[in-house]
PDB file of N, CA and C in Angstrom:
ATOM      1  N   MET A   1       4.809 -16.135   8.618  1.00  0.00           N
ATOM      2  CA  MET A   1       6.014 -15.870   8.101  1.00  0.00           C
ATOM      3  C   MET A   1       6.857 -14.764   8.558  1.00  0.00           C
ATOM      4  N   ILE A   2       8.090 -15.242   9.048  1.00  0.00           N
ATOM      5  CA  ILE A   2       9.146 -14.242   9.488  1.00  0.00           C
ATOM      6  C   ILE A   2       9.789 -13.366   8.696  1.00  0.00           C
ATOM      7  N   LEU A   3       9.473 -12.077   8.917  1.00  0.00           N
ATOM      8  CA  LEU A   3      10.190 -11.045   8.090  1.00  0.00           C
ATOM      9  C   LEU A   3      11.316 -10.391   8.542  1.00  0.00           C
ATOM     10  N   PHE A   4      11.578 -10.661   9.786  1.00  0.00           N
ATOM     11  CA  PHE A   4      12.629 -10.106  10.249  1.00  0.00           C
ATOM     12  C   PHE A   4      12.862 -11.053  11.610  1.00  0.00           C
ATOM     13  N   GLU A   5      14.054 -11.795  11.783  1.00  0.00           N
ATOM     14  CA  GLU A   5      14.229 -12.607  13.053  1.00  0.00           C
ATOM     15  C   GLU A   5      13.881 -12.264  14.165  1.00  0.00           C
ATOM     16  N   ARG A   6      14.295 -10.769  14.507  1.00  0.00           N
ATOM     17  CA  ARG A   6      14.011 -10.349  15.871  1.00  0.00           C
ATOM     18  C   ARG A   6      12.635  -9.646  16.317  1.00  0.00           C
ATOM     19  N   ALA A   7      12.148  -9.691  15.052  1.00  0.00           N
ATOM     20  CA  ALA A   7      10.637  -8.874  15.314  1.00  0.00           C
ATOM     21  C   ALA A   7       9.576  -9.714  15.945  1.00  0.00           C
ATOM     22  N   PRO A   8       8.819  -9.058  16.741  1.00  0.00           N
ATOM     23  CA  PRO A   8       7.856  -9.873  17.279  1.00  0.00           C
ATOM     24  C   PRO A   8       6.920 -10.408  16.465  1.00  0.00           C
ATOM     25  N   ALA A   9       6.165 -11.735  16.776  1.00  0.00           N
ATOM     26  CA  ALA A   9       5.295 -12.209  15.678  1.00  0.00           C
ATOM     27  C   ALA A   9       4.256 -11.131  15.220  1.00  0.00           C
ATOM     28  N   ASP A  10       3.925 -10.361  16.106  1.00  0.00           N
ATOM     29  CA  ASP A  10       2.633  -9.404  15.656  1.00  0.00           C
ATOM     30  C   ASP A  10       3.084  -8.105  14.979  1.00  0.00           C
ATOM     31  N   ALA A  11       4.263  -8.124  14.912  1.00  0.00           N
ATOM     32  CA  ALA A  11       4.862  -6.773  14.495  1.00  0.00           C
ATOM     33  C   ALA A  11       4.166  -6.072  13.158  1.00  0.00           C
ATOM     34  N   LEU A  12       3.946  -7.028  12.354  1.00  0.00           N
ATOM     35  CA  LEU A  12       3.384  -6.521  11.015  1.00  0.00           C
ATOM     36  C   LEU A  12       1.820  -6.194  11.241  1.00  0.00           C
ATOM     37  N   SER A  13       1.221  -6.883  12.036  1.00  0.00           N
ATOM     38  CA  SER A  13      -0.205  -6.543  12.297  1.00  0.00           C
ATOM     39  C   SER A  13      -0.480  -5.362  13.182  1.00  0.00           C
ATOM     40  N   THR A  14       0.751  -4.764  13.987  1.00  0.00           N
ATOM     41  CA  THR A  14       0.506  -3.826  14.988  1.00  0.00           C
ATOM     42  C   THR A  14       1.003  -2.804  14.470  1.00  0.00           C
ATOM     43  N   ALA A  15       1.821  -2.742  13.312  1.00  0.00           N
ATOM     44  CA  ALA A  15       2.411  -1.382  12.419  1.00  0.00           C
ATOM     45  C   ALA A  15       1.227  -0.545  12.211  1.00  0.00           C
ATOM     46  N   THR A  16       1.396   0.702  12.219  1.00  0.00           N
ATOM     47  CA  THR A  16       0.495   1.502  11.612  1.00  0.00           C
ATOM     48  C   THR A  16       0.714   1.470  10.108  1.00  0.00           C
ATOM     49  N   PRO A  17      -0.321   2.266   9.403  1.00  0.00           N
ATOM     50  CA  PRO A  17       0.154   2.362   7.792  1.00  0.00           C
ATOM     51  C   PRO A  17       1.378   3.331   7.930  1.00  0.00           C
ATOM     52  N   GLU A  18       1.373   4.220   8.692  1.00  0.00           N
ATOM     53  CA  GLU A  18       2.353   5.174   8.841  1.00  0.00           C
ATOM     54  C   GLU A  18       3.947   4.691   9.008  1.00  0.00           C
ATOM     55  N   ASP A  19       3.850   3.797   9.940  1.00  0.00           N
ATOM     56  CA  ASP A  19       5.230   2.906  10.173  1.00  0.00           C
ATOM     57  C   ASP A  19       5.407   2.200   8.946  1.00  0.00           C
ATOM     58  N   ARG A  20       4.359   1.495   8.385  1.00  0.00           N
ATOM     59  CA  ARG A  20       4.854   0.667   7.158  1.00  0.00           C
ATOM     60  C   ARG A  20       5.334   1.463   6.187  1.00  0.00           C
ATOM     61  N   LEU A  21       4.863   2.472   5.860  1.00  0.00           N
ATOM     62  CA  LEU A  21       5.167   3.463   4.806  1.00  0.00           C
ATOM     63  C   LEU A  21       6.667   3.798   5.267  1.00  0.00           C
ATOM     64  N   ALA A  22       6.812   4.290   6.255  1.00  0.00           N
ATOM     65  CA  ALA A  22       8.123   4.928   7.007  1.00  0.00           C
ATOM     66  C   ALA A  22       9.240   3.891   6.734  1.00  0.00           C
ATOM     67  N   ALA A  23       8.866   2.698   6.863  1.00  0.00           N
ATOM     68  CA  ALA A  23       9.926   1.501   6.828  1.00  0.00           C
ATOM     69  C   ALA A  23      10.135   1.354   5.144  1.00  0.00           C
ATOM     70  N   VAL A  24       9.227   1.349   4.522  1.00  0.00           N
ATOM     71  CA  VAL A  24       9.392   0.946   3.013  1.00  0.00           C
ATOM     72  C   VAL A  24      10.121   1.973   2.519  1.00  0.00           C
ATOM     73  N   HIS A  25      10.027   3.450   2.827  1.00  0.00           N
ATOM     74  CA  HIS A  25      10.715   4.621   2.184  1.00  0.00           C
ATOM     75  C   HIS A  25      12.019   4.534   2.841  1.00  0.00           C
ATOM     76  N   ALA A  26      12.356   4.114   3.865  1.00  0.00           N
ATOM     77  CA  ALA A  26      14.061   4.090   4.441  1.00  0.00           C
ATOM     78  C   ALA A  26      14.600   3.076   3.744  1.00  0.00           C
ATOM     79  N   PHE A  27      13.952   2.076   3.383  1.00  0.00           N
ATOM     80  CA  PHE A  27      14.427   0.880   2.706  1.00  0.00           C
ATOM     81  C   PHE A  27      14.711   1.119   1.329  1.00  0.00           C
ATOM     82  N   THR A  28      13.832   1.805   0.590  1.00  0.00           N
ATOM     83  CA  THR A  28      13.941   2.497  -0.632  1.00  0.00           C
ATOM     84  C   THR A  28      15.229   3.338  -0.848  1.00  0.00           C
ATOM     85  N   THR A  29      15.127   4.212   0.199  1.00  0.00           N
ATOM     86  CA  THR A  29      16.079   5.126   0.081  1.00  0.00           C
ATOM     87  C   THR A  29      17.599   4.521   0.395  1.00  0.00           C
ATOM     88  N   ARG A  30      17.653   3.380   1.045  1.00  0.00           N
ATOM     89  CA  ARG A  30      19.094   2.955   1.127  1.00  0.00           C
ATOM     90  C   ARG A  30      19.469   2.047  -0.393  1.00  0.00           C
ATOM     91  N   CYS A  31      18.211   1.478  -0.851  1.00  0.00           N
ATOM     92  CA  CYS A  31      18.319   0.797  -2.059  1.00  0.00           C
ATOM     93  C   CYS A  31      18.883   1.821  -3.269  1.00  0.00           C
ATOM     94  N   ARG A  32      18.506   3.189  -3.098  1.00  0.00           N
ATOM     95  CA  ARG A  32      18.962   4.031  -4.075  1.00  0.00           C
ATOM     96  C   ARG A  32      20.160   4.627  -3.854  1.00  0.00           C
ATOM     97  N   ALA A  33      20.583   4.681  -2.508  1.00  0.00           N
ATOM     98  CA  ALA A  33      21.992   5.065  -2.221  1.00  0.00           C
ATOM     99  C   ALA A  33      23.132   3.917  -2.546  1.00  0.00           C
ATOM    100  N   TYR A  34      22.613   2.602  -2.516  1.00  0.00           N
ATOM    101  CA  TYR A  34      23.364   1.656  -3.324  1.00  0.00           C
ATOM    102  C   TYR A  34      23.652   1.474  -4.769  1.00  0.00           C
ATOM    103  N   ALA A  35      22.185   1.878  -5.408  1.00  0.00           N
ATOM    104  CA  ALA A  35      22.276   2.058  -6.752  1.00  0.00           C
ATOM    105  C   ALA A  35      23.356   2.992  -7.403  1.00  0.00           C
ATOM    106  N   VAL A  36      23.258   4.450  -6.576  1.00  0.00           N
ATOM    107  CA  VAL A  36      24.409   5.317  -6.859  1.00  0.00           C
ATOM    108  C   VAL A  36      25.702   5.157  -6.588  1.00  0.00           C
ATOM    109  N   ALA A  37      25.968   4.331  -5.660  1.00  0.00           N
ATOM    110  CA  ALA A  37      27.253   3.929  -5.584  1.00  0.00           C
ATOM    111  C   ALA A  37      27.817   2.911  -6.377  1.00  0.00           C
ATOM    112  N   GLU A  38      26.797   2.084  -6.830  1.00  0.00           N
ATOM    113  CA  GLU A  38      27.266   0.761  -7.838  1.00  0.00           C
ATOM    114  C   GLU A  38      27.449   1.708  -9.304  1.00  0.00           C
ATOM    115  N   ILE A  39      26.761   2.551  -9.459  1.00  0.00           N
ATOM    116  CA  ILE A  39      26.835   3.315 -10.787  1.00  0.00           C
ATOM    117  C   ILE A  39      28.228   3.859 -10.807  1.00  0.00           C
ATOM    118  N   ALA A  40      28.628   4.396  -9.818  1.00  0.00           N
ATOM    119  CA  ALA A  40      29.821   5.049  -9.534  1.00  0.00           C
ATOM    120  C   ALA A  40      31.075   4.237  -9.897  1.00  0.00           C
ATOM    121  N   ARG A  41      30.685   3.050  -8.955  1.00  0.00           N
ATOM    122  CA  ARG A  41      31.925   1.970  -8.975  1.00  0.00           C
ATOM    123  C   ARG A  41      32.049   1.440 -10.342  1.00  0.00           C
ATOM    124  N   ARG A  42      30.805   0.850 -11.068  1.00  0.00           N
ATOM    125  CA  ARG A  42      31.153   0.505 -12.159  1.00  0.00           C
ATOM    126  C   ARG A  42      31.539   1.508 -13.282  1.00  0.00           C
ATOM    127  N   GLY A  43      31.052   2.547 -13.051  1.00  0.00           N
ATOM    128  CA  GLY A  43      31.783   3.746 -14.084  1.00  0.00           C
ATOM    129  C   GLY A  43      33.040   3.560 -13.894  1.00  0.00           C
ATOM    130  N   ALA A  44      33.456   3.978 -12.880  1.00  0.00           N
ATOM    131  CA  ALA A  44      35.091   3.993 -12.626  1.00  0.00           C
ATOM    132  C   ALA A  44      35.674   2.923 -13.117  1.00  0.00           C
ATOM    133  N   ALA A  45      35.218   1.630 -13.182  1.00  0.00           N
ATOM    134  CA  ALA A  45      35.742   0.524 -13.701  1.00  0.00           C
ATOM    135  C   ALA A  45      35.492   0.378 -15.297  1.00  0.00           C
ATOM    136  N   GLY A  46      34.936   1.192 -15.795  1.00  0.00           N
ATOM    137  CA  GLY A  46      34.635   1.340 -17.342  1.00  0.00           C
ATOM    138  C   GLY A  46      33.612   0.138 -17.479  1.00  0.00           C
ATOM    139  N   ARG A  47      32.694  -0.426 -16.847  1.00  0.00           N
ATOM    140  CA  ARG A  47      31.967  -1.367 -16.990  1.00  0.00           C
ATOM    141  C   ARG A  47      30.454  -0.753 -17.175  1.00  0.00           C
ATOM    142  N   ALA A  48      29.750  -1.341 -17.765  1.00  0.00           N
ATOM    143  CA  ALA A  48      28.212  -0.964 -18.454  1.00  0.00           C
ATOM    144  C   ALA A  48      27.461  -0.533 -16.892  1.00  0.00           C
ATOM    145  N   THR A  49      26.620   0.645 -16.967  1.00  0.00           N
ATOM    146  CA  THR A  49      25.630   0.895 -15.985  1.00  0.00           C
ATOM    147  C   THR A  49      24.244   1.002 -16.239  1.00  0.00           C
ATOM    148  N   ASP A  50      24.071   0.726 -17.315  1.00  0.00           N
ATOM    149  CA  ASP A  50      22.638   0.782 -17.682  1.00  0.00           C
ATOM    150  C   ASP A  50      21.381   0.348 -16.948  1.00  0.00           C
ATOM    151  N   GLU A  51      22.024  -1.061 -16.649  1.00  0.00           N
ATOM    152  CA  GLU A  51      20.814  -1.795 -15.794  1.00  0.00           C
ATOM    153  C   GLU A  51      20.768  -0.921 -14.400  1.00  0.00           C
ATOM    154  N   TRP A  52      21.722  -0.601 -13.910  1.00  0.00           N
ATOM    155  CA  TRP A  52      21.798   0.075 -12.576  1.00  0.00           C
ATOM    156  C   TRP A  52      21.026   1.598 -12.714  1.00  0.00           C
ATOM    157  N   GLU A  53      21.218   2.298 -13.872  1.00  0.00           N
ATOM    158  CA  GLU A  53      20.438   3.595 -14.203  1.00  0.00           C
ATOM    159  C   GLU A  53      19.089   3.487 -14.399  1.00  0.00           C
ATOM    160  N   SER A  54      18.669   2.362 -14.932  1.00  0.00           N
ATOM    161  CA  SER A  54      17.289   1.772 -15.210  1.00  0.00           C
ATOM    162  C   SER A  54      16.668   1.787 -13.850  1.00  0.00           C
ATOM    163  N   TYR A  55      17.422   0.834 -12.784  1.00  0.00           N
ATOM    164  CA  TYR A  55      17.040   0.636 -11.547  1.00  0.00           C
ATOM    165  C   TYR A  55      16.899   1.946 -10.616  1.00  0.00           C
ATOM    166  N   LEU A  56      17.789   2.656 -10.823  1.00  0.00           N
ATOM    167  CA  LEU A  56      17.917   4.239 -10.087  1.00  0.00           C
ATOM    168  C   LEU A  56      16.768   4.940 -10.626  1.00  0.00           C
ATOM    169  N   ARG A  57      16.265   4.929 -11.677  1.00  0.00           N
ATOM    170  CA  ARG A  57      14.963   5.736 -12.177  1.00  0.00           C
ATOM    171  C   ARG A  57      13.847   5.136 -11.670  1.00  0.00           C
ATOM    172  N   PHE A  58      13.603   3.753 -11.561  1.00  0.00           N
ATOM    173  CA  PHE A  58      12.685   3.082 -11.110  1.00  0.00           C
ATOM    174  C   PHE A  58      12.418   3.404  -9.473  1.00  0.00           C
ATOM    175  N   THR A  59      13.604   3.537  -8.793  1.00  0.00           N
ATOM    176  CA  THR A  59      13.800   3.612  -7.540  1.00  0.00           C
ATOM    177  C   THR A  59      13.286   5.118  -7.060  1.00  0.00           C
ATOM    178  N   ASP A  60      13.781   5.878  -8.166  1.00  0.00           N
ATOM    179  CA  ASP A  60      13.280   7.324  -7.773  1.00  0.00           C
ATOM    180  C   ASP A  60      11.851   7.517  -8.071  1.00  0.00           C
ATOM    181  N   HIS A  61      11.278   6.821  -9.070  1.00  0.00           N
ATOM    182  CA  HIS A  61       9.700   6.791  -9.212  1.00  0.00           C
ATOM    183  C   HIS A  61       9.076   6.382  -8.027  1.00  0.00           C
ATOM    184  N   THR A  62       9.658   5.194  -7.650  1.00  0.00           N
ATOM    185  CA  THR A  62       8.929   4.738  -6.369  1.00  0.00           C
ATOM    186  C   THR A  62       9.047   5.612  -5.419  1.00  0.00           C
ATOM    187  N   LEU A  63      10.142   6.191  -4.950  1.00  0.00           N
ATOM    188  CA  LEU A  63      10.129   7.185  -3.965  1.00  0.00           C
ATOM    189  C   LEU A  63       9.276   8.478  -4.022  1.00  0.00           C
ATOM    190  N   LYS A  64       9.256   9.071  -5.142  1.00  0.00           N
ATOM    191  CA  LYS A  64       8.323  10.224  -5.472  1.00  0.00           C
ATOM    192  C   LYS A  64       6.854   9.680  -5.058  1.00  0.00           C
ATOM    193  N   GLU A  65       6.490   8.482  -5.442  1.00  0.00           N
ATOM    194  CA  GLU A  65       4.821   7.950  -5.459  1.00  0.00           C
ATOM    195  C   GLU A  65       4.867   7.837  -3.824  1.00  0.00           C
ATOM    196  N   LEU A  66       5.816   7.308  -2.884  1.00  0.00           N
ATOM    197  CA  LEU A  66       5.867   7.088  -1.796  1.00  0.00           C
ATOM    198  C   LEU A  66       5.564   8.556  -1.146  1.00  0.00           C
ATOM    199  N   GLU A  67       6.383   9.411  -1.623  1.00  0.00           N
ATOM    200  CA  GLU A  67       6.150  10.798  -1.104  1.00  0.00           C
ATOM    201  C   GLU A  67       4.962  11.573  -1.282  1.00  0.00           C
ATOM    202  N   ASP A  68       4.208  11.332  -2.522  1.00  0.00           N
ATOM    203  CA  ASP A  68       3.246  12.242  -2.804  1.00  0.00           C
ATOM    204  C   ASP A  68       1.876  11.395  -2.510  1.00  0.00           C
ATOM    205  N   GLY A  69       2.131  10.483  -1.769  1.00  0.00           N
ATOM    206  CA  GLY A  69       0.861   9.731  -1.332  1.00  0.00           C
ATOM    207  C   GLY A  69       0.186   8.733  -2.476  1.00  0.00           C
ATOM    208  N   THR A  70       0.731   8.707  -3.512  1.00  0.00           N
ATOM    209  CA  THR A  70       0.121   7.782  -4.662  1.00  0.00           C
ATOM    210  C   THR A  70      -0.172   6.227  -4.051  1.00  0.00           C
ATOM    211  N   LEU A  71       0.971   5.628  -3.275  1.00  0.00           N
ATOM    212  CA  LEU A  71       1.014   4.427  -2.656  1.00  0.00           C
ATOM    213  C   LEU A  71       0.300   4.207  -1.359  1.00  0.00           C
ATOM    214  N   ASP A  72      -0.257   5.477  -0.781  1.00  0.00           N
ATOM    215  CA  ASP A  72      -0.648   5.119   0.300  1.00  0.00           C
ATOM    216  C   ASP A  72      -1.509   3.869   0.962  1.00  0.00           C
ATOM    217  N   HIS A  73      -2.514   3.750  -0.106  1.00  0.00           N
ATOM    218  CA  HIS A  73      -3.610   2.578  -0.069  1.00  0.00           C
ATOM    219  C   HIS A  73      -2.736   1.202   0.209  1.00  0.00           C
ATOM    220  N   TRP A  74      -1.489   1.150  -0.354  1.00  0.00           N
ATOM    221  CA  TRP A  74      -0.627  -0.233  -0.096  1.00  0.00           C
ATOM    222  C   TRP A  74      -0.423  -0.475   1.249  1.00  0.00           C
ATOM    223  N   PHE A  75      -0.467   0.492   1.998  1.00  0.00           N
ATOM    224  CA  PHE A  75       0.072   0.419   3.706  1.00  0.00           C
ATOM    225  C   PHE A  75      -1.116   0.108   4.578  1.00  0.00           C
ATOM    226  N   VAL A  76      -2.218   0.201   4.027  1.00  0.00           N
ATOM    227  CA  VAL A  76      -3.606  -0.022   4.777  1.00  0.00           C
ATOM    228  C   VAL A  76      -3.945  -1.613   4.697  1.00  0.00           C
ATOM    229  N   GLU A  77      -4.182  -2.055   6.080  1.00  0.00           N
ATOM    230  CA  GLU A  77      -4.664  -3.563   5.946  1.00  0.00           C
ATOM    231  C   GLU A  77      -5.962  -3.816   5.648  1.00  0.00           C
ATOM    232  N   LYS A  78      -6.355  -4.553   4.585  1.00  0.00           N
ATOM    233  CA  LYS A  78      -7.774  -4.705   4.126  1.00  0.00           C
ATOM    234  C   LYS A  78      -8.170  -6.247   4.812  1.00  0.00           C
ATOM    235  N   SER A  79      -9.391  -5.748   5.103  1.00  0.00           N
ATOM    236  CA  SER A  79     -10.071  -6.989   6.078  1.00  0.00           C
ATOM    237  C   SER A  79     -10.603  -7.748   5.030  1.00  0.00           C
TER     238      SER A  79
END
């Protein structure tokens, strides 16, 4: 499965758990920034933001668990 067009074929298998965690954290942080901006755009346009606010809460919870180690076991390759 190609996860990124320019990534070497073995990139996932050679990534350390720390690399994997860092990549997911960076992506989730970008998702959070997008949600904050979308809430602002929709709010300024008088549109509903409930779904985006819910997504933001979920994303914040995910970041908390990534940062406190709750999800560390997700990033270890199981044999």
